[in-house]
Amino acid sequence: MGRNEKHFKNPEKFDPERFTRDEDSPLFAYIPFSLGARACIGQTFAMIESKVVICKLIQQLEFQLVPNQSFDFVEAVTLTPKDGCKTYMTMRNL
């Protein structure tokens, strides 16, 4: 798709700016990792594995936010804390 003249002007020229989202480029013209028949075969396993790891962390650790943090966020694909999310972590008494 990245070298298709139908989607990009001058497709053989190195131009990283062409992949920024604008009104002229089609939505799925740049799909480097996972879409369609060539999606990563381990993607589902990785999502399940990440949920298991998060559950284990929540079971064994206690999380507490550091006081006086700003609650500003940056709008991207998802909302991200502007200054990070600083926490104290302590082992739970099991």
PDB file of N, CA and C in Angstrom:
ATOM      1  N   MET A   1       0.810  -1.199   0.000  1.00  0.00           N
ATOM      2  CA  MET A   1       0.000   0.000   0.000  1.00  0.00           C
ATOM      3  C   MET A   1       0.852   1.262   0.000  1.00  0.00           C
ATOM      4  N   GLY A   2       1.979   1.240   0.718  1.00  0.00           N
ATOM      5  CA  GLY A   2       2.801   2.433   0.839  1.00  0.00           C
ATOM      6  C   GLY A   2       3.441   2.871  -0.458  1.00  0.00           C
ATOM      7  N   ARG A   3       3.521   1.977  -1.441  1.00  0.00           N
ATOM      8  CA  ARG A   3       4.121   2.320  -2.728  1.00  0.00           C
ATOM      9  C   ARG A   3       3.087   2.357  -3.849  1.00  0.00           C
ATOM     10  N   ASN A   4       1.853   2.493  -3.493  1.00  0.00           N
ATOM     11  CA  ASN A   4       0.779   2.480  -4.473  1.00  0.00           C
ATOM     12  C   ASN A   4       0.471   3.916  -4.900  1.00  0.00           C
ATOM     13  N   GLU A   5       0.600   4.187  -6.200  1.00  0.00           N
ATOM     14  CA  GLU A   5       0.329   5.539  -6.723  1.00  0.00           C
ATOM     15  C   GLU A   5      -1.130   5.948  -6.539  1.00  0.00           C
ATOM     16  N   LYS A   6      -1.984   4.973  -6.375  1.00  0.00           N
ATOM     17  CA  LYS A   6      -3.399   5.268  -6.145  1.00  0.00           C
ATOM     18  C   LYS A   6      -3.595   6.001  -4.815  1.00  0.00           C
ATOM     19  N   HIS A   7      -2.757   5.696  -3.842  1.00  0.00           N
ATOM     20  CA  HIS A   7      -2.905   6.267  -2.501  1.00  0.00           C
ATOM     21  C   HIS A   7      -1.917   7.394  -2.187  1.00  0.00           C
ATOM     22  N   PHE A   8      -0.725   7.354  -2.803  1.00  0.00           N
ATOM     23  CA  PHE A   8       0.313   8.332  -2.459  1.00  0.00           C
ATOM     24  C   PHE A   8       0.940   8.924  -3.716  1.00  0.00           C
ATOM     25  N   LYS A   9       1.170  10.229  -3.687  1.00  0.00           N
ATOM     26  CA  LYS A   9       1.884  10.891  -4.777  1.00  0.00           C
ATOM     27  C   LYS A   9       3.370  10.571  -4.630  1.00  0.00           C
ATOM     28  N   ASN A  10       4.032  10.285  -5.728  1.00  0.00           N
ATOM     29  CA  ASN A  10       5.463  10.001  -5.733  1.00  0.00           C
ATOM     30  C   ASN A  10       5.809   8.884  -4.736  1.00  0.00           C
ATOM     31  N   PRO A  11       5.267   7.681  -4.916  1.00  0.00           N
ATOM     32  CA  PRO A  11       5.364   6.629  -3.908  1.00  0.00           C
ATOM     33  C   PRO A  11       6.769   6.079  -3.670  1.00  0.00           C
ATOM     34  N   GLU A  12       7.693   6.208  -4.626  1.00  0.00           N
ATOM     35  CA  GLU A  12       9.042   5.668  -4.454  1.00  0.00           C
ATOM     36  C   GLU A  12       9.966   6.611  -3.687  1.00  0.00           C
ATOM     37  N   LYS A  13       9.552   7.843  -3.472  1.00  0.00           N
ATOM     38  CA  LYS A  13      10.367   8.818  -2.738  1.00  0.00           C
ATOM     39  C   LYS A  13      10.239   8.569  -1.233  1.00  0.00           C
ATOM     40  N   PHE A  14      11.379   8.646  -0.503  1.00  0.00           N
ATOM     41  CA  PHE A  14      11.351   8.507   0.953  1.00  0.00           C
ATOM     42  C   PHE A  14      10.736   9.771   1.545  1.00  0.00           C
ATOM     43  N   ASP A  15       9.544   9.623   2.120  1.00  0.00           N
ATOM     44  CA  ASP A  15       8.827  10.765   2.685  1.00  0.00           C
ATOM     45  C   ASP A  15       7.998  10.301   3.878  1.00  0.00           C
ATOM     46  N   PRO A  16       8.579  10.276   5.089  1.00  0.00           N
ATOM     47  CA  PRO A  16       7.834   9.817   6.266  1.00  0.00           C
ATOM     48  C   PRO A  16       6.584  10.639   6.563  1.00  0.00           C
ATOM     49  N   GLU A  17       6.555  11.884   6.108  1.00  0.00           N
ATOM     50  CA  GLU A  17       5.411  12.754   6.358  1.00  0.00           C
ATOM     51  C   GLU A  17       4.134  12.244   5.677  1.00  0.00           C
ATOM     52  N   ARG A  18       4.294  11.397   4.676  1.00  0.00           N
ATOM     53  CA  ARG A  18       3.106  10.911   3.968  1.00  0.00           C
ATOM     54  C   ARG A  18       2.209  10.058   4.857  1.00  0.00           C
ATOM     55  N   PHE A  19       2.762   9.532   5.952  1.00  0.00           N
ATOM     56  CA  PHE A  19       1.977   8.670   6.821  1.00  0.00           C
ATOM     57  C   PHE A  19       1.259   9.412   7.939  1.00  0.00           C
ATOM     58  N   THR A  20       1.427  10.728   7.999  1.00  0.00           N
ATOM     59  CA  THR A  20       0.636  11.497   8.956  1.00  0.00           C
ATOM     60  C   THR A  20      -0.789  11.544   8.442  1.00  0.00           C
ATOM     61  N   ARG A  21      -1.717  11.495   9.346  1.00  0.00           N
ATOM     62  CA  ARG A  21      -3.130  11.421   8.954  1.00  0.00           C
ATOM     63  C   ARG A  21      -3.594  12.778   8.454  1.00  0.00           C
ATOM     64  N   ASP A  22      -4.042  12.826   7.221  1.00  0.00           N
ATOM     65  CA  ASP A  22      -4.669  14.029   6.693  1.00  0.00           C
ATOM     66  C   ASP A  22      -5.891  13.615   5.886  1.00  0.00           C
ATOM     67  N   GLU A  23      -6.581  14.564   5.357  1.00  0.00           N
ATOM     68  CA  GLU A  23      -7.838  14.274   4.664  1.00  0.00           C
ATOM     69  C   GLU A  23      -7.629  13.549   3.343  1.00  0.00           C
ATOM     70  N   ASP A  24      -6.435  13.688   2.729  1.00  0.00           N
ATOM     71  CA  ASP A  24      -6.205  13.099   1.413  1.00  0.00           C
ATOM     72  C   ASP A  24      -5.829  11.621   1.452  1.00  0.00           C
ATOM     73  N   SER A  25      -5.251  11.157   2.553  1.00  0.00           N
ATOM     74  CA  SER A  25      -4.818   9.762   2.583  1.00  0.00           C
ATOM     75  C   SER A  25      -5.938   8.854   3.096  1.00  0.00           C
ATOM     76  N   PRO A  26      -6.075   7.675   2.480  1.00  0.00           N
ATOM     77  CA  PRO A  26      -7.113   6.746   2.943  1.00  0.00           C
ATOM     78  C   PRO A  26      -6.782   6.206   4.330  1.00  0.00           C
ATOM     79  N   LEU A  27      -7.779   5.823   5.065  1.00  0.00           N
ATOM     80  CA  LEU A  27      -7.618   5.429   6.464  1.00  0.00           C
ATOM     81  C   LEU A  27      -6.679   4.245   6.648  1.00  0.00           C
ATOM     82  N   PHE A  28      -6.775   3.208   5.822  1.00  0.00           N
ATOM     83  CA  PHE A  28      -5.958   2.013   6.006  1.00  0.00           C
ATOM     84  C   PHE A  28      -4.858   1.889   4.952  1.00  0.00           C
ATOM     85  N   ALA A  29      -4.283   3.003   4.528  1.00  0.00           N
ATOM     86  CA  ALA A  29      -3.216   2.957   3.539  1.00  0.00           C
ATOM     87  C   ALA A  29      -1.880   2.579   4.163  1.00  0.00           C
ATOM     88  N   TYR A  30      -1.723   2.741   5.458  1.00  0.00           N
ATOM     89  CA  TYR A  30      -0.479   2.377   6.132  1.00  0.00           C
ATOM     90  C   TYR A  30      -0.825   1.444   7.274  1.00  0.00           C
ATOM     91  N   ILE A  31      -0.564   0.167   7.095  1.00  0.00           N
ATOM     92  CA  ILE A  31      -0.899  -0.853   8.098  1.00  0.00           C
ATOM     93  C   ILE A  31       0.304  -1.770   8.308  1.00  0.00           C
ATOM     94  N   PRO A  32       1.321  -1.317   9.043  1.00  0.00           N
ATOM     95  CA  PRO A  32       2.567  -2.064   9.119  1.00  0.00           C
ATOM     96  C   PRO A  32       2.527  -3.342   9.956  1.00  0.00           C
ATOM     97  N   PHE A  33       1.623  -3.475  10.915  1.00  0.00           N
ATOM     98  CA  PHE A  33       1.736  -4.595  11.830  1.00  0.00           C
ATOM     99  C   PHE A  33       0.551  -5.553  11.854  1.00  0.00           C
ATOM    100  N   SER A  34      -0.646  -5.056  11.986  1.00  0.00           N
ATOM    101  CA  SER A  34      -1.709  -6.034  12.220  1.00  0.00           C
ATOM    102  C   SER A  34      -3.041  -5.598  11.646  1.00  0.00           C
ATOM    103  N   LEU A  35      -3.318  -6.113  10.494  1.00  0.00           N
ATOM    104  CA  LEU A  35      -4.631  -5.919   9.911  1.00  0.00           C
ATOM    105  C   LEU A  35      -4.788  -6.951   8.809  1.00  0.00           C
ATOM    106  N   GLY A  36      -5.883  -7.638   8.818  1.00  0.00           N
ATOM    107  CA  GLY A  36      -6.168  -8.588   7.756  1.00  0.00           C
ATOM    108  C   GLY A  36      -5.496  -9.936   7.939  1.00  0.00           C
ATOM    109  N   ALA A  37      -5.253 -10.616   6.835  1.00  0.00           N
ATOM    110  CA  ALA A  37      -4.749 -11.993   6.856  1.00  0.00           C
ATOM    111  C   ALA A  37      -3.320 -12.097   7.376  1.00  0.00           C
ATOM    112  N   ARG A  38      -2.565 -11.025   7.331  1.00  0.00           N
ATOM    113  CA  ARG A  38      -1.167 -11.086   7.763  1.00  0.00           C
ATOM    114  C   ARG A  38      -0.955 -10.493   9.156  1.00  0.00           C
ATOM    115  N   ALA A  39      -1.978 -10.501   9.957  1.00  0.00           N
ATOM    116  CA  ALA A  39      -1.863  -9.985  11.329  1.00  0.00           C
ATOM    117  C   ALA A  39      -0.976 -10.927  12.147  1.00  0.00           C
ATOM    118  N   CYS A  40      -0.383 -10.398  13.178  1.00  0.00           N
ATOM    119  CA  CYS A  40       0.503 -11.171  14.047  1.00  0.00           C
ATOM    120  C   CYS A  40      -0.257 -12.346  14.658  1.00  0.00           C
ATOM    121  N   ILE A  41       0.295 -13.560  14.542  1.00  0.00           N
ATOM    122  CA  ILE A  41      -0.410 -14.737  15.068  1.00  0.00           C
ATOM    123  C   ILE A  41      -0.367 -14.789  16.597  1.00  0.00           C
ATOM    124  N   GLY A  42       0.546 -14.061  17.219  1.00  0.00           N
ATOM    125  CA  GLY A  42       0.643 -14.067  18.669  1.00  0.00           C
ATOM    126  C   GLY A  42      -0.095 -12.929  19.348  1.00  0.00           C
ATOM    127  N   GLN A  43      -0.820 -12.133  18.584  1.00  0.00           N
ATOM    128  CA  GLN A  43      -1.481 -10.954  19.127  1.00  0.00           C
ATOM    129  C   GLN A  43      -2.493 -11.310  20.208  1.00  0.00           C
ATOM    130  N   THR A  44      -3.324 -12.306  19.996  1.00  0.00           N
ATOM    131  CA  THR A  44      -4.333 -12.695  20.987  1.00  0.00           C
ATOM    132  C   THR A  44      -3.674 -13.237  22.243  1.00  0.00           C
ATOM    133  N   PHE A  45      -2.638 -14.077  22.071  1.00  0.00           N
ATOM    134  CA  PHE A  45      -1.918 -14.606  23.225  1.00  0.00           C
ATOM    135  C   PHE A  45      -1.284 -13.477  24.037  1.00  0.00           C
ATOM    136  N   ALA A  46      -0.692 -12.497  23.370  1.00  0.00           N
ATOM    137  CA  ALA A  46      -0.056 -11.381  24.067  1.00  0.00           C
ATOM    138  C   ALA A  46      -1.066 -10.579  24.875  1.00  0.00           C
ATOM    139  N   MET A  47      -2.266 -10.388  24.350  1.00  0.00           N
ATOM    140  CA  MET A  47      -3.302  -9.648  25.080  1.00  0.00           C
ATOM    141  C   MET A  47      -3.733 -10.429  26.325  1.00  0.00           C
ATOM    142  N   ILE A  48      -3.908 -11.735  26.201  1.00  0.00           N
ATOM    143  CA  ILE A  48      -4.291 -12.558  27.357  1.00  0.00           C
ATOM    144  C   ILE A  48      -3.170 -12.560  28.384  1.00  0.00           C
ATOM    145  N   GLU A  49      -1.929 -12.712  27.921  1.00  0.00           N
ATOM    146  CA  GLU A  49      -0.780 -12.734  28.823  1.00  0.00           C
ATOM    147  C   GLU A  49      -0.652 -11.420  29.596  1.00  0.00           C
ATOM    148  N   SER A  50      -0.886 -10.289  28.930  1.00  0.00           N
ATOM    149  CA  SER A  50      -0.791  -9.001  29.621  1.00  0.00           C
ATOM    150  C   SER A  50      -1.857  -8.872  30.705  1.00  0.00           C
ATOM    151  N   LYS A  51      -3.051  -9.405  30.456  1.00  0.00           N
ATOM    152  CA  LYS A  51      -4.108  -9.368  31.478  1.00  0.00           C
ATOM    153  C   LYS A  51      -3.729 -10.209  32.688  1.00  0.00           C
ATOM    154  N   VAL A  52      -3.111 -11.363  32.456  1.00  0.00           N
ATOM    155  CA  VAL A  52      -2.678 -12.222  33.565  1.00  0.00           C
ATOM    156  C   VAL A  52      -1.609 -11.522  34.396  1.00  0.00           C
ATOM    157  N   VAL A  53      -0.659 -10.887  33.742  1.00  0.00           N
ATOM    158  CA  VAL A  53       0.412 -10.180  34.458  1.00  0.00           C
ATOM    159  C   VAL A  53      -0.158  -9.033  35.285  1.00  0.00           C
ATOM    160  N   ILE A  54      -1.078  -8.262  34.718  1.00  0.00           N
ATOM    161  CA  ILE A  54      -1.690  -7.153  35.461  1.00  0.00           C
ATOM    162  C   ILE A  54      -2.463  -7.672  36.664  1.00  0.00           C
ATOM    163  N   CYS A  55      -3.194  -8.773  36.498  1.00  0.00           N
ATOM    164  CA  CYS A  55      -3.935  -9.362  37.623  1.00  0.00           C
ATOM    165  C   CYS A  55      -2.991  -9.796  38.739  1.00  0.00           C
ATOM    166  N   LYS A  56      -1.866 -10.404  38.382  1.00  0.00           N
ATOM    167  CA  LYS A  56      -0.891 -10.834  39.388  1.00  0.00           C
ATOM    168  C   LYS A  56      -0.289  -9.635  40.118  1.00  0.00           C
ATOM    169  N   LEU A  57      -0.006  -8.555  39.394  1.00  0.00           N
ATOM    170  CA  LEU A  57       0.533  -7.352  40.039  1.00  0.00           C
ATOM    171  C   LEU A  57      -0.477  -6.766  41.022  1.00  0.00           C
ATOM    172  N   ILE A  58      -1.743  -6.712  40.621  1.00  0.00           N
ATOM    173  CA  ILE A  58      -2.783  -6.154  41.492  1.00  0.00           C
ATOM    174  C   ILE A  58      -2.975  -7.029  42.729  1.00  0.00           C
ATOM    175  N   GLN A  59      -2.834  -8.340  42.585  1.00  0.00           N
ATOM    176  CA  GLN A  59      -2.978  -9.241  43.727  1.00  0.00           C
ATOM    177  C   GLN A  59      -1.852  -9.066  44.740  1.00  0.00           C
ATOM    178  N   GLN A  60      -0.632  -8.812  44.256  1.00  0.00           N
ATOM    179  CA  GLN A  60       0.529  -8.827  45.147  1.00  0.00           C
ATOM    180  C   GLN A  60       1.031  -7.447  45.563  1.00  0.00           C
ATOM    181  N   LEU A  61       0.628  -6.404  44.868  1.00  0.00           N
ATOM    182  CA  LEU A  61       1.108  -5.066  45.177  1.00  0.00           C
ATOM    183  C   LEU A  61      -0.052  -4.130  45.482  1.00  0.00           C
ATOM    184  N   GLU A  62       0.230  -3.121  46.295  1.00  0.00           N
ATOM    185  CA  GLU A  62      -0.743  -2.074  46.567  1.00  0.00           C
ATOM    186  C   GLU A  62      -0.221  -0.796  45.923  1.00  0.00           C
ATOM    187  N   PHE A  63      -1.061  -0.125  45.165  1.00  0.00           N
ATOM    188  CA  PHE A  63      -0.678   1.080  44.438  1.00  0.00           C
ATOM    189  C   PHE A  63      -1.322   2.291  45.089  1.00  0.00           C
ATOM    190  N   GLN A  64      -0.513   3.350  45.282  1.00  0.00           N
ATOM    191  CA  GLN A  64      -1.029   4.594  45.856  1.00  0.00           C
ATOM    192  C   GLN A  64      -0.405   5.755  45.081  1.00  0.00           C
ATOM    193  N   LEU A  65      -1.243   6.680  44.622  1.00  0.00           N
ATOM    194  CA  LEU A  65      -0.732   7.820  43.868  1.00  0.00           C
ATOM    195  C   LEU A  65       0.100   8.733  44.745  1.00  0.00           C
ATOM    196  N   VAL A  66       1.170   9.269  44.177  1.00  0.00           N
ATOM    197  CA  VAL A  66       1.969  10.279  44.862  1.00  0.00           C
ATOM    198  C   VAL A  66       1.124  11.538  44.967  1.00  0.00           C
ATOM    199  N   PRO A  67       1.065  12.200  46.137  1.00  0.00           N
ATOM    200  CA  PRO A  67       0.224  13.395  46.297  1.00  0.00           C
ATOM    201  C   PRO A  67       0.652  14.551  45.387  1.00  0.00           C
ATOM    202  N   ASN A  68      -0.295  15.458  45.155  1.00  0.00           N
ATOM    203  CA  ASN A  68      -0.092  16.705  44.408  1.00  0.00           C
ATOM    204  C   ASN A  68       0.319  16.508  42.951  1.00  0.00           C
ATOM    205  N   GLN A  69      -0.217  15.514  42.314  1.00  0.00           N
ATOM    206  CA  GLN A  69       0.032  15.332  40.884  1.00  0.00           C
ATOM    207  C   GLN A  69      -0.989  16.133  40.089  1.00  0.00           C
ATOM    208  N   SER A  70      -0.574  16.569  38.910  1.00  0.00           N
ATOM    209  CA  SER A  70      -1.537  17.254  38.059  1.00  0.00           C
ATOM    210  C   SER A  70      -2.403  16.201  37.367  1.00  0.00           C
ATOM    211  N   PHE A  71      -3.617  16.555  37.068  1.00  0.00           N
ATOM    212  CA  PHE A  71      -4.505  15.640  36.371  1.00  0.00           C
ATOM    213  C   PHE A  71      -4.709  16.093  34.924  1.00  0.00           C
ATOM    214  N   ASP A  72      -3.701  16.807  34.391  1.00  0.00           N
ATOM    215  CA  ASP A  72      -3.739  17.210  32.991  1.00  0.00           C
ATOM    216  C   ASP A  72      -3.418  16.003  32.122  1.00  0.00           C
ATOM    217  N   PHE A  73      -3.957  16.002  30.908  1.00  0.00           N
ATOM    218  CA  PHE A  73      -3.705  14.883  30.019  1.00  0.00           C
ATOM    219  C   PHE A  73      -3.408  15.372  28.610  1.00  0.00           C
ATOM    220  N   VAL A  74      -2.816  14.485  27.842  1.00  0.00           N
ATOM    221  CA  VAL A  74      -2.492  14.749  26.450  1.00  0.00           C
ATOM    222  C   VAL A  74      -3.432  13.904  25.603  1.00  0.00           C
ATOM    223  N   GLU A  75      -4.067  14.532  24.630  1.00  0.00           N
ATOM    224  CA  GLU A  75      -4.950  13.785  23.743  1.00  0.00           C
ATOM    225  C   GLU A  75      -4.131  13.215  22.602  1.00  0.00           C
ATOM    226  N   ALA A  76      -4.115  11.906  22.495  1.00  0.00           N
ATOM    227  CA  ALA A  76      -3.463  11.213  21.376  1.00  0.00           C
ATOM    228  C   ALA A  76      -4.460  10.166  20.908  1.00  0.00           C
ATOM    229  N   VAL A  77      -3.993   8.999  20.535  1.00  0.00           N
ATOM    230  CA  VAL A  77      -4.931   7.921  20.211  1.00  0.00           C
ATOM    231  C   VAL A  77      -5.733   7.568  21.458  1.00  0.00           C
ATOM    232  N   THR A  78      -5.051   7.572  22.590  1.00  0.00           N
ATOM    233  CA  THR A  78      -5.712   7.410  23.884  1.00  0.00           C
ATOM    234  C   THR A  78      -5.338   8.614  24.749  1.00  0.00           C
ATOM    235  N   LEU A  79      -6.003   8.782  25.874  1.00  0.00           N
ATOM    236  CA  LEU A  79      -5.633   9.857  26.802  1.00  0.00           C
ATOM    237  C   LEU A  79      -4.431   9.409  27.613  1.00  0.00           C
ATOM    238  N   THR A  80      -3.426  10.264  27.718  1.00  0.00           N
ATOM    239  CA  THR A  80      -2.199   9.947  28.437  1.00  0.00           C
ATOM    240  C   THR A  80      -1.948  11.033  29.472  1.00  0.00           C
ATOM    241  N   PRO A  81      -1.562  10.671  30.698  1.00  0.00           N
ATOM    242  CA  PRO A  81      -1.238  11.698  31.693  1.00  0.00           C
ATOM    243  C   PRO A  81      -0.079  12.571  31.207  1.00  0.00           C
ATOM    244  N   LYS A  82      -0.234  13.875  31.300  1.00  0.00           N
ATOM    245  CA  LYS A  82       0.773  14.810  30.790  1.00  0.00           C
ATOM    246  C   LYS A  82       2.113  14.645  31.515  1.00  0.00           C
ATOM    247  N   ASP A  83       2.078  14.522  32.819  1.00  0.00           N
ATOM    248  CA  ASP A  83       3.315  14.425  33.599  1.00  0.00           C
ATOM    249  C   ASP A  83       3.582  13.002  34.088  1.00  0.00           C
ATOM    250  N   GLY A  84       2.974  12.018  33.471  1.00  0.00           N
ATOM    251  CA  GLY A  84       3.144  10.638  33.920  1.00  0.00           C
ATOM    252  C   GLY A  84       2.191  10.328  35.060  1.00  0.00           C
ATOM    253  N   CYS A  85       2.302   9.155  35.579  1.00  0.00           N
ATOM    254  CA  CYS A  85       1.457   8.708  36.690  1.00  0.00           C
ATOM    255  C   CYS A  85       2.373   8.117  37.750  1.00  0.00           C
ATOM    256  N   LYS A  86       2.764   8.947  38.705  1.00  0.00           N
ATOM    257  CA  LYS A  86       3.717   8.513  39.724  1.00  0.00           C
ATOM    258  C   LYS A  86       2.970   7.817  40.856  1.00  0.00           C
ATOM    259  N   THR A  87       3.437   6.637  41.216  1.00  0.00           N
ATOM    260  CA  THR A  87       2.779   5.859  42.267  1.00  0.00           C
ATOM    261  C   THR A  87       3.800   5.285  43.233  1.00  0.00           C
ATOM    262  N   TYR A  88       3.322   5.040  44.439  1.00  0.00           N
ATOM    263  CA  TYR A  88       4.075   4.247  45.401  1.00  0.00           C
ATOM    264  C   TYR A  88       3.549   2.828  45.306  1.00  0.00           C
ATOM    265  N   MET A  89       4.448   1.850  45.301  1.00  0.00           N
ATOM    266  CA  MET A  89       4.025   0.459  45.294  1.00  0.00           C
ATOM    267  C   MET A  89       4.594  -0.235  46.520  1.00  0.00           C
ATOM    268  N   THR A  90       3.739  -0.925  47.226  1.00  0.00           N
ATOM    269  CA  THR A  90       4.164  -1.695  48.386  1.00  0.00           C
ATOM    270  C   THR A  90       3.572  -3.099  48.283  1.00  0.00           C
ATOM    271  N   MET A  91       4.258  -4.043  48.882  1.00  0.00           N
ATOM    272  CA  MET A  91       3.773  -5.425  48.875  1.00  0.00           C
ATOM    273  C   MET A  91       2.526  -5.510  49.755  1.00  0.00           C
ATOM    274  N   ARG A  92       1.549  -6.272  49.305  1.00  0.00           N
ATOM    275  CA  ARG A  92       0.350  -6.510  50.104  1.00  0.00           C
ATOM    276  C   ARG A  92       0.651  -7.524  51.195  1.00  0.00           C
ATOM    277  N   ASN A  93      -0.013  -7.383  52.314  1.00  0.00           N
ATOM    278  CA  ASN A  93       0.098  -8.385  53.375  1.00  0.00           C
ATOM    279  C   ASN A  93      -0.883  -9.504  53.064  1.00  0.00           C
ATOM    280  N   LEU A  94      -0.374 -10.635  52.638  1.00  0.00           N
ATOM    281  CA  LEU A  94      -1.246 -11.747  52.255  1.00  0.00           C
ATOM    282  C   LEU A  94      -1.455 -12.694  53.401  1.00  0.00           C
TER     283      LEU A  94
END
